[in-house]
Amino acid sequence: MTLDTVGLGNTYLYVGSFLAPQAGQTVNYSITVFDNYGRFNISTSFVFTVITPEEEFPTAIIAIIGVVAVGAIGAAVVVTRMRTKAKKKEYIAEELLPLPI
């Protein structure tokens, strides 16, 4: 593979791409450089093992479930309070009714 050169002045970065290896596969590589006079130098070998990326935690789904749950609990509290107030009004109204003669 040919490395692309990126940089300015005396600072350069040489960039190249590997073929896409499978997870668990070990990749061995070395770098060979040539000058304009045909001389070359080979680096020591480098090794890495490809890993499987961890799946992202579904935080958006958890947040949506949380908002829905809080809304449902809030609605249940409001309905319960409304029913309790309605029962109290019925009880007070029954107490105020005149007694049968």
PDB file of N, CA and C in Angstrom:
ATOM      1  N   MET A   1       0.845  -1.168   0.000  1.00  0.00           N
ATOM      2  CA  MET A   1       0.000   0.000   0.000  1.00  0.00           C
ATOM      3  C   MET A   1       0.888   1.227   0.000  1.00  0.00           C
ATOM      4  N   THR A   2       0.408   2.288  -0.559  1.00  0.00           N
ATOM      5  CA  THR A   2       1.129   3.555  -0.575  1.00  0.00           C
ATOM      6  C   THR A   2       0.581   4.435   0.538  1.00  0.00           C
ATOM      7  N   LEU A   3       1.473   5.102   1.248  1.00  0.00           N
ATOM      8  CA  LEU A   3       1.051   6.004   2.317  1.00  0.00           C
ATOM      9  C   LEU A   3       0.901   7.411   1.767  1.00  0.00           C
ATOM     10  N   ASP A   4      -0.144   8.089   2.174  1.00  0.00           N
ATOM     11  CA  ASP A   4      -0.346   9.484   1.802  1.00  0.00           C
ATOM     12  C   ASP A   4       0.381  10.365   2.813  1.00  0.00           C
ATOM     13  N   THR A   5       0.932  11.479   2.343  1.00  0.00           N
ATOM     14  CA  THR A   5       1.669  12.395   3.207  1.00  0.00           C
ATOM     15  C   THR A   5       0.797  13.589   3.552  1.00  0.00           C
ATOM     16  N   VAL A   6       0.711  13.901   4.843  1.00  0.00           N
ATOM     17  CA  VAL A   6      -0.045  15.051   5.312  1.00  0.00           C
ATOM     18  C   VAL A   6       0.869  15.828   6.246  1.00  0.00           C
ATOM     19  N   GLY A   7       1.024  17.137   6.040  1.00  0.00           N
ATOM     20  CA  GLY A   7       1.839  17.925   6.956  1.00  0.00           C
ATOM     21  C   GLY A   7       2.429  19.151   6.310  1.00  0.00           C
ATOM     22  N   LEU A   8       3.161  19.931   7.126  1.00  0.00           N
ATOM     23  CA  LEU A   8       3.813  21.156   6.676  1.00  0.00           C
ATOM     24  C   LEU A   8       5.192  21.256   7.313  1.00  0.00           C
ATOM     25  N   GLY A   9       6.082  21.971   6.665  1.00  0.00           N
ATOM     26  CA  GLY A   9       7.411  22.195   7.235  1.00  0.00           C
ATOM     27  C   GLY A   9       8.164  20.894   7.413  1.00  0.00           C
ATOM     28  N   ASN A  10       8.660  20.666   8.619  1.00  0.00           N
ATOM     29  CA  ASN A  10       9.406  19.446   8.918  1.00  0.00           C
ATOM     30  C   ASN A  10       8.553  18.377   9.597  1.00  0.00           C
ATOM     31  N   THR A  11       7.262  18.653   9.778  1.00  0.00           N
ATOM     32  CA  THR A  11       6.387  17.704  10.468  1.00  0.00           C
ATOM     33  C   THR A  11       5.408  17.099   9.471  1.00  0.00           C
ATOM     34  N   TYR A  12       5.493  15.786   9.310  1.00  0.00           N
ATOM     35  CA  TYR A  12       4.613  15.092   8.372  1.00  0.00           C
ATOM     36  C   TYR A  12       4.000  13.877   9.035  1.00  0.00           C
ATOM     37  N   LEU A  13       2.823  13.557   8.596  1.00  0.00           N
ATOM     38  CA  LEU A  13       2.125  12.360   9.044  1.00  0.00           C
ATOM     39  C   LEU A  13       1.867  11.526   7.799  1.00  0.00           C
ATOM     40  N   TYR A  14       2.207  10.272   7.870  1.00  0.00           N
ATOM     41  CA  TYR A  14       1.991   9.369   6.742  1.00  0.00           C
ATOM     42  C   TYR A  14       0.796   8.487   7.064  1.00  0.00           C
ATOM     43  N   VAL A  15      -0.184   8.486   6.189  1.00  0.00           N
ATOM     44  CA  VAL A  15      -1.461   7.840   6.466  1.00  0.00           C
ATOM     45  C   VAL A  15      -1.728   6.741   5.443  1.00  0.00           C
ATOM     46  N   GLY A  16      -2.199   5.586   5.923  1.00  0.00           N
ATOM     47  CA  GLY A  16      -2.579   4.488   5.046  1.00  0.00           C
ATOM     48  C   GLY A  16      -3.751   3.734   5.639  1.00  0.00           C
ATOM     49  N   SER A  17      -4.399   2.919   4.835  1.00  0.00           N
ATOM     50  CA  SER A  17      -5.560   2.151   5.297  1.00  0.00           C
ATOM     51  C   SER A  17      -5.311   0.661   5.119  1.00  0.00           C
ATOM     52  N   PHE A  18      -5.793  -0.116   6.085  1.00  0.00           N
ATOM     53  CA  PHE A  18      -5.764  -1.573   5.988  1.00  0.00           C
ATOM     54  C   PHE A  18      -7.082  -2.039   5.398  1.00  0.00           C
ATOM     55  N   LEU A  19      -7.081  -3.227   4.822  1.00  0.00           N
ATOM     56  CA  LEU A  19      -8.348  -3.846   4.446  1.00  0.00           C
ATOM     57  C   LEU A  19      -9.114  -4.127   5.725  1.00  0.00           C
ATOM     58  N   ALA A  20     -10.406  -4.227   5.637  1.00  0.00           N
ATOM     59  CA  ALA A  20     -11.228  -4.417   6.832  1.00  0.00           C
ATOM     60  C   ALA A  20     -11.127  -5.852   7.338  1.00  0.00           C
ATOM     61  N   PRO A  21     -10.321  -6.093   8.374  1.00  0.00           N
ATOM     62  CA  PRO A  21     -10.237  -7.449   8.928  1.00  0.00           C
ATOM     63  C   PRO A  21     -11.445  -7.750   9.816  1.00  0.00           C
ATOM     64  N   GLN A  22     -11.697  -9.019  10.051  1.00  0.00           N
ATOM     65  CA  GLN A  22     -12.814  -9.457  10.890  1.00  0.00           C
ATOM     66  C   GLN A  22     -12.456  -9.333  12.366  1.00  0.00           C
ATOM     67  N   ALA A  23     -13.472  -9.219  13.214  1.00  0.00           N
ATOM     68  CA  ALA A  23     -13.253  -9.162  14.661  1.00  0.00           C
ATOM     69  C   ALA A  23     -12.549 -10.431  15.119  1.00  0.00           C
ATOM     70  N   GLY A  24     -11.565 -10.264  16.004  1.00  0.00           N
ATOM     71  CA  GLY A  24     -10.803 -11.386  16.512  1.00  0.00           C
ATOM     72  C   GLY A  24      -9.571 -11.710  15.683  1.00  0.00           C
ATOM     73  N   GLN A  25      -9.466 -11.126  14.510  1.00  0.00           N
ATOM     74  CA  GLN A  25      -8.329 -11.392  13.630  1.00  0.00           C
ATOM     75  C   GLN A  25      -7.124 -10.556  14.075  1.00  0.00           C
ATOM     76  N   THR A  26      -5.934 -11.152  14.014  1.00  0.00           N
ATOM     77  CA  THR A  26      -4.698 -10.456  14.363  1.00  0.00           C
ATOM     78  C   THR A  26      -4.036  -9.953  13.090  1.00  0.00           C
ATOM     79  N   VAL A  27      -3.618  -8.698  13.110  1.00  0.00           N
ATOM     80  CA  VAL A  27      -2.977  -8.077  11.952  1.00  0.00           C
ATOM     81  C   VAL A  27      -1.517  -7.799  12.301  1.00  0.00           C
ATOM     82  N   ASN A  28      -0.595  -8.309  11.483  1.00  0.00           N
ATOM     83  CA  ASN A  28       0.843  -8.035  11.615  1.00  0.00           C
ATOM     84  C   ASN A  28       1.243  -7.138  10.454  1.00  0.00           C
ATOM     85  N   TYR A  29       2.008  -6.093  10.734  1.00  0.00           N
ATOM     86  CA  TYR A  29       2.460  -5.238   9.642  1.00  0.00           C
ATOM     87  C   TYR A  29       3.805  -4.599   9.980  1.00  0.00           C
ATOM     88  N   SER A  30       4.492  -4.173   8.940  1.00  0.00           N
ATOM     89  CA  SER A  30       5.730  -3.402   9.087  1.00  0.00           C
ATOM     90  C   SER A  30       5.702  -2.314   8.027  1.00  0.00           C
ATOM     91  N   ILE A  31       6.551  -1.332   8.187  1.00  0.00           N
ATOM     92  CA  ILE A  31       6.595  -0.215   7.247  1.00  0.00           C
ATOM     93  C   ILE A  31       7.957  -0.216   6.556  1.00  0.00           C
ATOM     94  N   THR A  32       7.917  -0.147   5.234  1.00  0.00           N
ATOM     95  CA  THR A  32       9.140  -0.072   4.436  1.00  0.00           C
ATOM     96  C   THR A  32       9.171   1.288   3.749  1.00  0.00           C
ATOM     97  N   VAL A  33      10.265   2.005   3.891  1.00  0.00           N
ATOM     98  CA  VAL A  33      10.385   3.321   3.250  1.00  0.00           C
ATOM     99  C   VAL A  33      11.537   3.296   2.247  1.00  0.00           C
ATOM    100  N   PHE A  34      11.345   4.006   1.141  1.00  0.00           N
ATOM    101  CA  PHE A  34      12.365   4.134   0.091  1.00  0.00           C
ATOM    102  C   PHE A  34      12.695   5.608  -0.081  1.00  0.00           C
ATOM    103  N   ASP A  35      13.958   5.914  -0.342  1.00  0.00           N
ATOM    104  CA  ASP A  35      14.319   7.293  -0.658  1.00  0.00           C
ATOM    105  C   ASP A  35      14.464   7.440  -2.174  1.00  0.00           C
ATOM    106  N   ASN A  36      14.833   8.639  -2.593  1.00  0.00           N
ATOM    107  CA  ASN A  36      14.951   8.922  -4.027  1.00  0.00           C
ATOM    108  C   ASN A  36      16.104   8.170  -4.688  1.00  0.00           C
ATOM    109  N   TYR A  37      17.002   7.590  -3.910  1.00  0.00           N
ATOM    110  CA  TYR A  37      18.171   6.895  -4.461  1.00  0.00           C
ATOM    111  C   TYR A  37      17.997   5.377  -4.447  1.00  0.00           C
ATOM    112  N   GLY A  38      16.803   4.899  -4.125  1.00  0.00           N
ATOM    113  CA  GLY A  38      16.550   3.467  -4.126  1.00  0.00           C
ATOM    114  C   GLY A  38      16.916   2.761  -2.827  1.00  0.00           C
ATOM    115  N   ARG A  39      17.396   3.522  -1.854  1.00  0.00           N
ATOM    116  CA  ARG A  39      17.697   2.901  -0.561  1.00  0.00           C
ATOM    117  C   ARG A  39      16.385   2.702   0.194  1.00  0.00           C
ATOM    118  N   PHE A  40      16.357   1.742   1.083  1.00  0.00           N
ATOM    119  CA  PHE A  40      15.129   1.484   1.834  1.00  0.00           C
ATOM    120  C   PHE A  40      15.454   1.071   3.261  1.00  0.00           C
ATOM    121  N   ASN A  41      14.442   1.151   4.081  1.00  0.00           N
ATOM    122  CA  ASN A  41      14.557   0.740   5.475  1.00  0.00           C
ATOM    123  C   ASN A  41      13.231   0.095   5.875  1.00  0.00           C
ATOM    124  N   ILE A  42      13.297  -0.983   6.628  1.00  0.00           N
ATOM    125  CA  ILE A  42      12.091  -1.696   7.071  1.00  0.00           C
ATOM    126  C   ILE A  42      11.979  -1.557   8.586  1.00  0.00           C
ATOM    127  N   SER A  43      10.807  -1.161   9.033  1.00  0.00           N
ATOM    128  CA  SER A  43      10.574  -1.006  10.475  1.00  0.00           C
ATOM    129  C   SER A  43      10.436  -2.370  11.139  1.00  0.00           C
ATOM    130  N   THR A  44      10.405  -2.353  12.444  1.00  0.00           N
ATOM    131  CA  THR A  44      10.077  -3.581  13.168  1.00  0.00           C
ATOM    132  C   THR A  44       8.611  -3.903  12.910  1.00  0.00           C
ATOM    133  N   SER A  45       8.201  -5.095  13.240  1.00  0.00           N
ATOM    134  CA  SER A  45       6.810  -5.505  13.022  1.00  0.00           C
ATOM    135  C   SER A  45       5.912  -4.953  14.123  1.00  0.00           C
ATOM    136  N   PHE A  46       4.708  -4.627  13.739  1.00  0.00           N
ATOM    137  CA  PHE A  46       3.680  -4.167  14.669  1.00  0.00           C
ATOM    138  C   PHE A  46       2.513  -5.144  14.593  1.00  0.00           C
ATOM    139  N   VAL A  47       1.796  -5.295  15.690  1.00  0.00           N
ATOM    140  CA  VAL A  47       0.683  -6.251  15.755  1.00  0.00           C
ATOM    141  C   VAL A  47      -0.497  -5.600  16.473  1.00  0.00           C
ATOM    142  N   PHE A  48      -1.687  -5.855  15.972  1.00  0.00           N
ATOM    143  CA  PHE A  48      -2.897  -5.511  16.726  1.00  0.00           C
ATOM    144  C   PHE A  48      -3.970  -6.543  16.425  1.00  0.00           C
ATOM    145  N   THR A  49      -4.902  -6.679  17.357  1.00  0.00           N
ATOM    146  CA  THR A  49      -6.027  -7.598  17.192  1.00  0.00           C
ATOM    147  C   THR A  49      -7.301  -6.777  17.076  1.00  0.00           C
ATOM    148  N   VAL A  50      -8.108  -7.101  16.101  1.00  0.00           N
ATOM    149  CA  VAL A  50      -9.354  -6.381  15.860  1.00  0.00           C
ATOM    150  C   VAL A  50     -10.379  -6.816  16.898  1.00  0.00           C
ATOM    151  N   ILE A  51     -11.049  -5.831  17.504  1.00  0.00           N
ATOM    152  CA  ILE A  51     -12.075  -6.135  18.508  1.00  0.00           C
ATOM    153  C   ILE A  51     -13.444  -5.745  17.972  1.00  0.00           C
ATOM    154  N   THR A  52     -14.473  -6.309  18.564  1.00  0.00           N
ATOM    155  CA  THR A  52     -15.841  -5.954  18.213  1.00  0.00           C
ATOM    156  C   THR A  52     -16.224  -4.722  19.013  1.00  0.00           C
ATOM    157  N   PRO A  53     -16.696  -3.665  18.360  1.00  0.00           N
ATOM    158  CA  PRO A  53     -17.083  -2.477  19.125  1.00  0.00           C
ATOM    159  C   PRO A  53     -18.297  -2.780  19.996  1.00  0.00           C
ATOM    160  N   GLU A  54     -18.309  -2.184  21.186  1.00  0.00           N
ATOM    161  CA  GLU A  54     -19.454  -2.370  22.077  1.00  0.00           C
ATOM    162  C   GLU A  54     -20.640  -1.610  21.516  1.00  0.00           C
ATOM    163  N   GLU A  55     -21.815  -2.202  21.680  1.00  0.00           N
ATOM    164  CA  GLU A  55     -23.016  -1.519  21.224  1.00  0.00           C
ATOM    165  C   GLU A  55     -23.312  -0.369  22.169  1.00  0.00           C
ATOM    166  N   GLU A  56     -23.782   0.729  21.588  1.00  0.00           N
ATOM    167  CA  GLU A  56     -24.102   1.887  22.409  1.00  0.00           C
ATOM    168  C   GLU A  56     -25.334   1.600  23.252  1.00  0.00           C
ATOM    169  N   PHE A  57     -25.318   2.092  24.487  1.00  0.00           N
ATOM    170  CA  PHE A  57     -26.457   1.922  25.381  1.00  0.00           C
ATOM    171  C   PHE A  57     -27.596   2.794  24.862  1.00  0.00           C
ATOM    172  N   PRO A  58     -28.797   2.248  24.751  1.00  0.00           N
ATOM    173  CA  PRO A  58     -29.912   3.001  24.162  1.00  0.00           C
ATOM    174  C   PRO A  58     -30.463   4.060  25.118  1.00  0.00           C
ATOM    175  N   THR A  59     -29.694   5.110  25.381  1.00  0.00           N
ATOM    176  CA  THR A  59     -30.116   6.125  26.343  1.00  0.00           C
ATOM    177  C   THR A  59     -31.377   6.855  25.899  1.00  0.00           C
ATOM    178  N   ALA A  60     -31.560   7.055  24.602  1.00  0.00           N
ATOM    179  CA  ALA A  60     -32.753   7.759  24.131  1.00  0.00           C
ATOM    180  C   ALA A  60     -34.010   6.962  24.458  1.00  0.00           C
ATOM    181  N   ILE A  61     -33.965   5.659  24.269  1.00  0.00           N
ATOM    182  CA  ILE A  61     -35.130   4.820  24.566  1.00  0.00           C
ATOM    183  C   ILE A  61     -35.429   4.844  26.058  1.00  0.00           C
ATOM    184  N   ILE A  62     -34.388   4.752  26.888  1.00  0.00           N
ATOM    185  CA  ILE A  62     -34.575   4.790  28.337  1.00  0.00           C
ATOM    186  C   ILE A  62     -35.185   6.125  28.748  1.00  0.00           C
ATOM    187  N   ALA A  63     -34.728   7.222  28.147  1.00  0.00           N
ATOM    188  CA  ALA A  63     -35.267   8.543  28.474  1.00  0.00           C
ATOM    189  C   ALA A  63     -36.742   8.637  28.097  1.00  0.00           C
ATOM    190  N   ILE A  64     -37.105   8.121  26.933  1.00  0.00           N
ATOM    191  CA  ILE A  64     -38.509   8.159  26.502  1.00  0.00           C
ATOM    192  C   ILE A  64     -39.378   7.337  27.444  1.00  0.00           C
ATOM    193  N   ILE A  65     -38.918   6.153  27.814  1.00  0.00           N
ATOM    194  CA  ILE A  65     -39.677   5.316  28.752  1.00  0.00           C
ATOM    195  C   ILE A  65     -39.844   6.040  30.078  1.00  0.00           C
ATOM    196  N   GLY A  66     -38.793   6.710  30.545  1.00  0.00           N
ATOM    197  CA  GLY A  66     -38.864   7.458  31.801  1.00  0.00           C
ATOM    198  C   GLY A  66     -39.882   8.579  31.737  1.00  0.00           C
ATOM    199  N   VAL A  67     -39.887   9.334  30.640  1.00  0.00           N
ATOM    200  CA  VAL A  67     -40.841  10.440  30.494  1.00  0.00           C
ATOM    201  C   VAL A  67     -42.269   9.912  30.457  1.00  0.00           C
ATOM    202  N   VAL A  68     -42.495   8.837  29.727  1.00  0.00           N
ATOM    203  CA  VAL A  68     -43.838   8.245  29.661  1.00  0.00           C
ATOM    204  C   VAL A  68     -44.270   7.749  31.038  1.00  0.00           C
ATOM    205  N   ALA A  69     -43.366   7.112  31.768  1.00  0.00           N
ATOM    206  CA  ALA A  69     -43.697   6.601  33.103  1.00  0.00           C
ATOM    207  C   ALA A  69     -44.049   7.740  34.048  1.00  0.00           C
ATOM    208  N   VAL A  70     -43.266   8.812  34.029  1.00  0.00           N
ATOM    209  CA  VAL A  70     -43.550   9.963  34.898  1.00  0.00           C
ATOM    210  C   VAL A  70     -44.895  10.573  34.524  1.00  0.00           C
ATOM    211  N   GLY A  71     -45.180  10.676  33.233  1.00  0.00           N
ATOM    212  CA  GLY A  71     -46.472  11.210  32.795  1.00  0.00           C
ATOM    213  C   GLY A  71     -47.634  10.345  33.254  1.00  0.00           C
ATOM    214  N   ALA A  72     -47.474   9.023  33.161  1.00  0.00           N
ATOM    215  CA  ALA A  72     -48.540   8.111  33.589  1.00  0.00           C
ATOM    216  C   ALA A  72     -48.767   8.215  35.094  1.00  0.00           C
ATOM    217  N   ILE A  73     -47.695   8.284  35.859  1.00  0.00           N
ATOM    218  CA  ILE A  73     -47.831   8.410  37.317  1.00  0.00           C
ATOM    219  C   ILE A  73     -48.491   9.739  37.663  1.00  0.00           C
ATOM    220  N   GLY A  74     -48.081  10.811  36.988  1.00  0.00           N
ATOM    221  CA  GLY A  74     -48.690  12.120  37.233  1.00  0.00           C
ATOM    222  C   GLY A  74     -50.178  12.111  36.918  1.00  0.00           C
ATOM    223  N   ALA A  75     -50.562  11.495  35.810  1.00  0.00           N
ATOM    224  CA  ALA A  75     -51.979  11.416  35.444  1.00  0.00           C
ATOM    225  C   ALA A  75     -52.758  10.607  36.473  1.00  0.00           C
ATOM    226  N   ALA A  76     -52.181   9.514  36.963  1.00  0.00           N
ATOM    227  CA  ALA A  76     -52.853   8.697  37.976  1.00  0.00           C
ATOM    228  C   ALA A  76     -53.065   9.486  39.258  1.00  0.00           C
ATOM    229  N   VAL A  77     -52.085  10.274  39.653  1.00  0.00           N
ATOM    230  CA  VAL A  77     -52.216  11.094  40.869  1.00  0.00           C
ATOM    231  C   VAL A  77     -53.323  12.122  40.693  1.00  0.00           C
ATOM    232  N   VAL A  78     -53.373  12.786  39.545  1.00  0.00           N
ATOM    233  CA  VAL A  78     -54.404  13.797  39.292  1.00  0.00           C
ATOM    234  C   VAL A  78     -55.789  13.163  39.319  1.00  0.00           C
ATOM    235  N   VAL A  79     -55.968  12.028  38.655  1.00  0.00           N
ATOM    236  CA  VAL A  79     -57.273  11.358  38.626  1.00  0.00           C
ATOM    237  C   VAL A  79     -57.685  10.933  40.030  1.00  0.00           C
ATOM    238  N   THR A  80     -56.750  10.387  40.800  1.00  0.00           N
ATOM    239  CA  THR A  80     -57.061   9.955  42.166  1.00  0.00           C
ATOM    240  C   THR A  80     -57.499  11.136  43.018  1.00  0.00           C
ATOM    241  N   ARG A  81     -56.816  12.256  42.916  1.00  0.00           N
ATOM    242  CA  ARG A  81     -57.201  13.442  43.702  1.00  0.00           C
ATOM    243  C   ARG A  81     -58.566  13.965  43.278  1.00  0.00           C
ATOM    244  N   MET A  82     -58.842  13.945  41.979  1.00  0.00           N
ATOM    245  CA  MET A  82     -60.146  14.425  41.510  1.00  0.00           C
ATOM    246  C   MET A  82     -61.266  13.534  42.041  1.00  0.00           C
ATOM    247  N   ARG A  83     -61.060  12.230  42.032  1.00  0.00           N
ATOM    248  CA  ARG A  83     -62.079  11.312  42.551  1.00  0.00           C
ATOM    249  C   ARG A  83     -62.276  11.504  44.053  1.00  0.00           C
ATOM    250  N   THR A  84     -61.180  11.712  44.777  1.00  0.00           N
ATOM    251  CA  THR A  84     -61.270  11.912  46.226  1.00  0.00           C
ATOM    252  C   THR A  84     -62.060  13.177  46.531  1.00  0.00           C
ATOM    253  N   LYS A  85     -61.802  14.256  45.796  1.00  0.00           N
ATOM    254  CA  LYS A  85     -62.541  15.503  46.005  1.00  0.00           C
ATOM    255  C   LYS A  85     -64.018  15.317  45.676  1.00  0.00           C
ATOM    256  N   ALA A  86     -64.330  14.569  44.620  1.00  0.00           N
ATOM    257  CA  ALA A  86     -65.725  14.340  44.238  1.00  0.00           C
ATOM    258  C   ALA A  86     -66.454  13.557  45.323  1.00  0.00           C
ATOM    259  N   LYS A  87     -65.793  12.554  45.924  1.00  0.00           N
ATOM    260  CA  LYS A  87     -66.421  11.779  46.996  1.00  0.00           C
ATOM    261  C   LYS A  87     -66.665  12.648  48.214  1.00  0.00           C
ATOM    262  N   LYS A  88     -65.725  13.541  48.535  1.00  0.00           N
ATOM    263  CA  LYS A  88     -65.904  14.437  49.679  1.00  0.00           C
ATOM    264  C   LYS A  88     -67.096  15.347  49.443  1.00  0.00           C
ATOM    265  N   LYS A  89     -67.264  15.854  48.216  1.00  0.00           N
ATOM    266  CA  LYS A  89     -68.398  16.723  47.907  1.00  0.00           C
ATOM    267  C   LYS A  89     -69.708  15.966  48.061  1.00  0.00           C
ATOM    268  N   GLU A  90     -69.762  14.697  47.624  1.00  0.00           N
ATOM    269  CA  GLU A  90     -70.978  13.896  47.779  1.00  0.00           C
ATOM    270  C   GLU A  90     -71.313  13.720  49.255  1.00  0.00           C
ATOM    271  N   TYR A  91     -70.309  13.432  50.066  1.00  0.00           N
ATOM    272  CA  TYR A  91     -70.512  13.201  51.494  1.00  0.00           C
ATOM    273  C   TYR A  91     -71.033  14.471  52.163  1.00  0.00           C
ATOM    274  N   ILE A  92     -70.436  15.615  51.828  1.00  0.00           N
ATOM    275  CA  ILE A  92     -70.885  16.889  52.403  1.00  0.00           C
ATOM    276  C   ILE A  92     -72.308  17.172  51.952  1.00  0.00           C
ATOM    277  N   ALA A  93     -72.623  16.908  50.690  1.00  0.00           N
ATOM    278  CA  ALA A  93     -73.972  17.155  50.182  1.00  0.00           C
ATOM    279  C   ALA A  93     -74.980  16.270  50.904  1.00  0.00           C
ATOM    280  N   GLU A  94     -74.633  15.030  51.211  1.00  0.00           N
ATOM    281  CA  GLU A  94     -75.549  14.141  51.930  1.00  0.00           C
ATOM    282  C   GLU A  94     -75.785  14.640  53.348  1.00  0.00           C
ATOM    283  N   GLU A  95     -74.778  15.213  53.983  1.00  0.00           N
ATOM    284  CA  GLU A  95     -74.939  15.725  55.344  1.00  0.00           C
ATOM    285  C   GLU A  95     -75.846  16.944  55.376  1.00  0.00           C
ATOM    286  N   LEU A  96     -75.854  17.714  54.297  1.00  0.00           N
ATOM    287  CA  LEU A  96     -76.645  18.934  54.261  1.00  0.00           C
ATOM    288  C   LEU A  96     -78.100  18.687  53.870  1.00  0.00           C
ATOM    289  N   LEU A  97     -78.418  17.500  53.403  1.00  0.00           N
ATOM    290  CA  LEU A  97     -79.804  17.214  53.025  1.00  0.00           C
ATOM    291  C   LEU A  97     -80.686  17.221  54.281  1.00  0.00           C
ATOM    292  N   PRO A  98     -81.914  17.705  54.131  1.00  0.00           N
ATOM    293  CA  PRO A  98     -82.815  17.683  55.307  1.00  0.00           C
ATOM    294  C   PRO A  98     -83.186  16.246  55.675  1.00  0.00           C
ATOM    295  N   LEU A  99     -83.369  16.028  56.919  1.00  0.00           N
ATOM    296  CA  LEU A  99     -83.748  14.705  57.407  1.00  0.00           C
ATOM    297  C   LEU A  99     -85.209  14.427  57.052  1.00  0.00           C
ATOM    298  N   PRO A 100     -85.538  13.179  56.772  1.00  0.00           N
ATOM    299  CA  PRO A 100     -86.949  12.864  56.454  1.00  0.00           C
ATOM    300  C   PRO A 100     -87.821  13.051  57.700  1.00  0.00           C
ATOM    301  N   ILE A 101     -89.000  13.520  57.494  1.00  0.00           N
ATOM    302  CA  ILE A 101     -89.922  13.775  58.598  1.00  0.00           C
ATOM    303  C   ILE A 101     -90.797  12.581  58.839  1.00  0.00           C
TER     304      ILE A 101
END
